[in-house]
N, C-alpha and C. Protein backbone atom coordinates (compact mmCIF):
# COMPACT_ATOMS: atom_id res chain seq x y z
N UNK A 1 0.76 -0.97 -0.02
CA UNK A 1 0.19 0.16 0.16
C UNK A 1 1.25 1.20 0.22
N UNK A 2 0.05 2.20 -0.38
CA UNK A 2 1.21 3.39 -0.72
C UNK A 2 0.80 4.03 0.45
N UNK A 3 2.27 5.42 0.83
CA UNK A 3 2.20 5.61 1.93
C UNK A 3 1.24 7.05 2.28
N UNK A 4 0.94 7.65 1.32
CA UNK A 4 0.00 8.23 1.48
C UNK A 4 -1.31 7.95 1.35
N UNK A 5 -2.26 7.05 1.17
CA UNK A 5 -2.85 6.27 1.41
C UNK A 5 -3.39 5.20 2.19
N UNK A 6 -2.02 4.99 3.07
CA UNK A 6 -1.75 4.21 4.20
C UNK A 6 -2.45 5.01 5.17
N UNK A 7 -2.32 6.58 5.35
CA UNK A 7 -2.09 8.14 6.21
C UNK A 7 -3.76 8.35 6.11
N UNK A 8 -4.40 8.58 4.98
CA UNK A 8 -5.63 8.43 5.22
C UNK A 8 -6.67 7.25 5.86
N UNK A 9 -6.06 5.90 5.41
CA UNK A 9 -7.28 4.62 5.89
C UNK A 9 -6.62 4.45 7.33
N UNK A 10 -5.49 4.45 7.73
CA UNK A 10 -5.30 4.64 8.84
C UNK A 10 -6.12 6.10 9.99
N UNK A 11 -6.40 6.90 9.17
CA UNK A 11 -6.92 8.21 10.14
C UNK A 11 -5.64 9.03 10.86
N UNK A 12 -4.82 9.05 10.25
CA UNK A 12 -3.69 10.01 10.45
C UNK A 12 -3.97 11.52 10.08
N UNK A 13 -3.89 11.28 8.46
CA UNK A 13 -4.52 12.64 8.13
C UNK A 13 -6.38 12.08 7.12
N UNK A 14 -7.30 13.47 7.16
CA UNK A 14 -8.32 13.36 6.99
C UNK A 14 -8.38 13.28 5.40
N UNK A 15 -7.84 13.64 4.47
CA UNK A 15 -7.94 13.71 3.46
C UNK A 15 -6.72 13.47 2.71
N UNK A 16 -6.79 12.62 1.68
CA UNK A 16 -5.84 12.20 0.51
C UNK A 16 -4.93 13.35 0.07
N UNK A 17 -5.57 14.28 -0.62
CA UNK A 17 -4.49 15.56 -1.01
C UNK A 17 -3.83 16.03 0.02
N UNK A 18 -4.61 15.93 1.28
CA UNK A 18 -4.00 16.51 2.47
C UNK A 18 -2.41 15.20 2.26
N UNK A 19 -3.01 14.35 2.98
CA UNK A 19 -1.14 13.06 3.11
C UNK A 19 -0.46 13.60 1.94
N UNK A 20 -0.71 13.55 0.43
CA UNK A 20 -0.14 13.60 -0.49
C UNK A 20 0.72 14.94 -0.59
N UNK A 21 -0.03 15.92 0.21
CA UNK A 21 0.85 17.66 0.73
C UNK A 21 1.90 17.79 1.59
N UNK A 22 2.20 17.19 2.35
CA UNK A 22 2.67 16.77 3.90
C UNK A 22 3.31 15.71 3.34
N UNK A 23 3.93 14.98 2.69
CA UNK A 23 4.67 14.21 1.37
C UNK A 23 5.44 14.77 0.96
N UNK A 24 5.21 15.88 0.15
CA UNK A 24 5.78 16.42 -1.08
C UNK A 24 6.69 17.48 -0.56
N UNK A 25 5.55 17.85 1.10
CA UNK A 25 6.81 18.52 1.55
C UNK A 25 8.00 18.66 2.40
N UNK A 26 8.23 17.29 2.51
CA UNK A 26 9.51 16.94 3.41
C UNK A 26 8.52 16.57 4.84
N UNK A 27 7.42 16.59 5.32
CA UNK A 27 7.13 15.77 6.19
C UNK A 27 6.98 14.54 7.25
N UNK A 28 7.29 14.10 5.97
CA UNK A 28 6.95 12.35 6.75
C UNK A 28 8.40 11.62 6.23
N UNK A 29 9.04 10.69 7.32
CA UNK A 29 9.65 10.23 7.40
C UNK A 29 9.34 8.52 7.74
N UNK A 30 9.99 7.62 6.36
CA UNK A 30 9.42 6.18 6.86
C UNK A 30 10.85 5.92 7.05
N UNK A 31 11.54 4.90 8.21
CA UNK A 31 12.42 4.86 8.93
C UNK A 31 13.63 5.25 8.31
N UNK A 32 13.55 6.63 9.02
CA UNK A 32 14.59 8.01 9.04
C UNK A 32 14.94 8.31 7.77
N UNK A 33 14.01 7.96 6.98
CA UNK A 33 14.62 8.81 5.54
C UNK A 33 13.31 9.20 4.92
N UNK A 34 13.48 10.57 4.45
CA UNK A 34 11.49 11.44 4.33
C UNK A 34 11.48 10.34 2.94
N UNK A 35 10.45 10.69 3.01
CA UNK A 35 9.58 9.66 2.20
C UNK A 35 8.89 10.57 0.87
N UNK A 36 8.34 10.16 -0.13
CA UNK A 36 6.93 10.37 -0.98
C UNK A 36 5.65 9.88 -0.72
N UNK A 37 5.11 9.82 -1.29
CA UNK A 37 4.02 9.69 -1.18
C UNK A 37 3.24 7.93 -1.40
N UNK A 38 4.31 8.26 -2.80
CA UNK A 38 3.92 6.88 -3.54
C UNK A 38 4.76 5.54 -3.01
N UNK A 39 5.44 5.72 -1.98
CA UNK A 39 6.14 4.82 -1.12
C UNK A 39 5.42 3.81 -0.70
N UNK A 40 6.04 2.18 -1.45
CA UNK A 40 5.26 1.35 -0.24
C UNK A 40 5.55 0.73 0.71
N UNK A 41 4.64 0.87 1.30
CA UNK A 41 4.90 0.69 2.93
C UNK A 41 4.75 -0.97 3.24
N UNK A 42 5.62 -1.34 4.21
CA UNK A 42 5.09 -2.64 5.14
C UNK A 42 5.09 -3.22 6.70
N UNK A 43 4.44 -4.05 6.88
CA UNK A 43 4.79 -4.04 8.20
C UNK A 43 6.17 -4.15 8.58
N UNK A 44 5.55 -2.94 9.79
CA UNK A 44 7.44 -3.06 10.47
C UNK A 44 8.11 -1.46 10.80
N UNK A 45 7.79 -0.90 9.55
CA UNK A 45 8.32 -0.07 9.29
C UNK A 45 7.69 1.48 10.47
N UNK A 46 8.91 2.60 10.84
CA UNK A 46 8.37 3.38 11.67
C UNK A 46 7.68 4.41 11.02
N UNK A 47 6.65 5.43 10.97
CA UNK A 47 6.85 6.05 10.36
C UNK A 47 6.71 7.17 11.30
N UNK A 48 7.17 8.65 10.81
CA UNK A 48 6.98 10.09 11.35
C UNK A 48 6.82 10.97 10.59
N UNK A 49 5.04 11.58 11.66
CA UNK A 49 4.38 12.44 10.80
C UNK A 49 4.47 14.15 11.24
N UNK A 50 4.76 14.87 10.75
CA UNK A 50 4.99 16.11 11.22
C UNK A 50 3.55 16.87 10.71
N UNK A 51 2.76 16.98 11.86
CA UNK A 51 1.40 17.72 11.42
C UNK A 51 1.83 19.42 11.56
N UNK A 52 0.65 20.62 11.28
CA UNK A 52 1.14 21.37 11.47
C UNK A 52 1.57 21.72 13.10
N UNK A 53 0.38 20.69 14.37
CA UNK A 53 0.77 21.51 15.42
C UNK A 53 0.63 20.13 16.10
N UNK A 54 1.18 18.96 15.75
CA UNK A 54 1.59 17.55 16.14
C UNK A 54 2.31 16.64 14.93
N UNK A 55 3.50 15.92 16.76
CA UNK A 55 4.89 15.06 15.69
C UNK A 55 4.20 13.76 16.40
N UNK A 56 4.24 13.03 14.84
CA UNK A 56 3.47 11.96 15.37
C UNK A 56 3.96 10.68 15.21
N UNK A 57 4.75 9.47 16.23
CA UNK A 57 5.47 8.57 15.67
C UNK A 57 4.57 6.82 15.59
N UNK A 58 4.48 6.40 14.78
CA UNK A 58 3.56 5.12 14.74
C UNK A 58 4.99 3.88 13.90
N UNK A 59 4.64 2.17 14.42
CA UNK A 59 5.04 1.71 13.71
C UNK A 59 3.65 0.89 13.25
N UNK A 60 3.91 0.71 12.14
CA UNK A 60 2.94 -0.24 11.11
C UNK A 60 2.43 -1.78 11.97
N UNK A 61 1.25 -1.99 12.20
CA UNK A 61 1.31 -3.64 12.39
C UNK A 61 0.87 -3.66 11.56
N UNK A 62 -0.10 -3.61 10.34
CA UNK A 62 -0.93 -4.85 9.61
C UNK A 62 -1.08 -3.62 8.43
N UNK A 63 -1.52 -3.99 7.10
CA UNK A 63 -1.35 -3.54 6.18
C UNK A 63 -2.59 -3.76 5.97
N UNK A 64 -3.98 -3.25 6.08
CA UNK A 64 -5.09 -3.42 5.23
C UNK A 64 -5.61 -3.89 4.02
N UNK A 65 -6.16 -4.72 3.50
CA UNK A 65 -6.54 -5.32 2.20
C UNK A 65 -8.21 -5.16 1.83
N UNK A 66 -9.09 -3.74 2.62
CA UNK A 66 -9.88 -4.03 2.56
C UNK A 66 -10.42 -2.57 3.03
N UNK A 67 -11.44 -1.76 3.52
CA UNK A 67 -11.85 -1.22 3.49
C UNK A 67 -11.93 -0.88 5.49
N UNK A 68 -11.69 0.01 6.23
CA UNK A 68 -10.85 -0.22 7.58
C UNK A 68 -12.31 0.81 8.32
N UNK A 69 -12.86 -0.01 9.06
CA UNK A 69 -13.85 0.87 9.99
C UNK A 69 -13.05 2.20 10.78
N UNK A 70 -13.39 3.30 11.35
CA UNK A 70 -13.06 3.89 12.39
C UNK A 70 -12.34 3.41 13.64
N UNK A 71 -13.30 2.70 13.63
CA UNK A 71 -12.81 1.85 14.93
C UNK A 71 -11.89 0.92 14.83
N UNK A 72 -11.49 0.59 14.07
CA UNK A 72 -10.48 -0.79 13.33
C UNK A 72 -8.73 0.38 13.21
N UNK A 73 -9.53 2.04 13.00
CA UNK A 73 -7.88 2.21 11.74
C UNK A 73 -7.09 2.18 12.77
N UNK A 74 -7.53 2.27 14.48
CA UNK A 74 -6.02 2.51 15.02
C UNK A 74 -5.19 1.43 15.45
N UNK A 75 -5.76 -0.32 15.54
CA UNK A 75 -5.44 -1.28 15.15
C UNK A 75 -4.21 -2.16 13.58
N UNK A 76 -4.23 -0.84 13.08
CA UNK A 76 -3.12 -0.69 11.91
C UNK A 76 -1.60 -0.11 12.53
N UNK A 77 -1.82 0.10 13.07
CA UNK A 77 -0.04 0.68 14.07
C UNK A 77 0.01 0.93 14.86
N UNK A 78 0.99 1.12 15.92
CA UNK A 78 0.92 1.26 17.46
C UNK A 78 1.54 2.71 17.49
N UNK A 79 1.40 3.13 17.81
CA UNK A 79 1.49 4.52 18.71
C UNK A 79 3.05 4.38 19.10
N UNK A 80 4.04 5.06 19.03
CA UNK A 80 5.22 5.05 19.33
C UNK A 80 5.42 6.43 20.37
N UNK A 81 4.49 7.39 19.55
CA UNK A 81 4.81 8.89 20.64
C UNK A 81 3.83 10.23 19.77
N UNK A 82 3.05 11.01 19.99
CA UNK A 82 2.85 12.18 20.21
C UNK A 82 3.36 13.44 20.74
N UNK A 83 3.67 14.53 20.21
CA UNK A 83 4.20 16.00 20.50
C UNK A 83 2.96 16.45 20.10
N UNK A 84 2.85 17.52 20.78
CA UNK A 84 2.36 19.09 20.80
C UNK A 84 3.61 20.00 20.71
N UNK A 85 3.36 20.44 19.15
CA UNK A 85 4.39 20.98 19.27
C UNK A 85 4.11 23.17 19.43
N UNK A 86 2.49 22.87 19.88
CA UNK A 86 2.18 23.81 20.47
C UNK A 86 2.79 24.98 21.77
N UNK A 87 3.13 23.98 22.56
CA UNK A 87 3.69 23.85 23.56
C UNK A 87 4.80 23.82 23.72
N UNK A 88 5.72 23.69 22.78
CA UNK A 88 6.90 23.98 22.58
C UNK A 88 7.09 25.22 22.59
N UNK A 89 6.55 26.07 21.22
CA UNK A 89 6.79 27.29 20.69
C UNK A 89 6.48 28.06 22.29
N UNK A 90 5.41 28.15 22.79
CA UNK A 90 4.53 29.12 23.36
C UNK A 90 5.92 29.30 24.54
N UNK A 91 6.66 27.83 24.73
CA UNK A 91 7.81 28.39 26.14
C UNK A 91 8.95 29.02 25.05
N UNK A 92 9.46 29.60 24.30
CA UNK A 92 10.36 30.08 23.59
C UNK A 92 10.18 31.18 24.20
């Protein structure tokens, strides 16, 4: 599955267009390397996503073969960390 599609299916990002955009901007890394939206992902890959106000790290646990319900989306990955970037900018 493509990285940009996985981010939408796993409900990390709401829309596919947004997922493609953050990948194009270099805000997504897979296993420590900046990744394009077209990159094929696999189980065990570690992804770091920088959104506007959040930094999210996750490890892929399952690649879906069908549409996933909202309640099942979080079963696709293991959350490694989630940081709120707005708190850091207020402290400086």
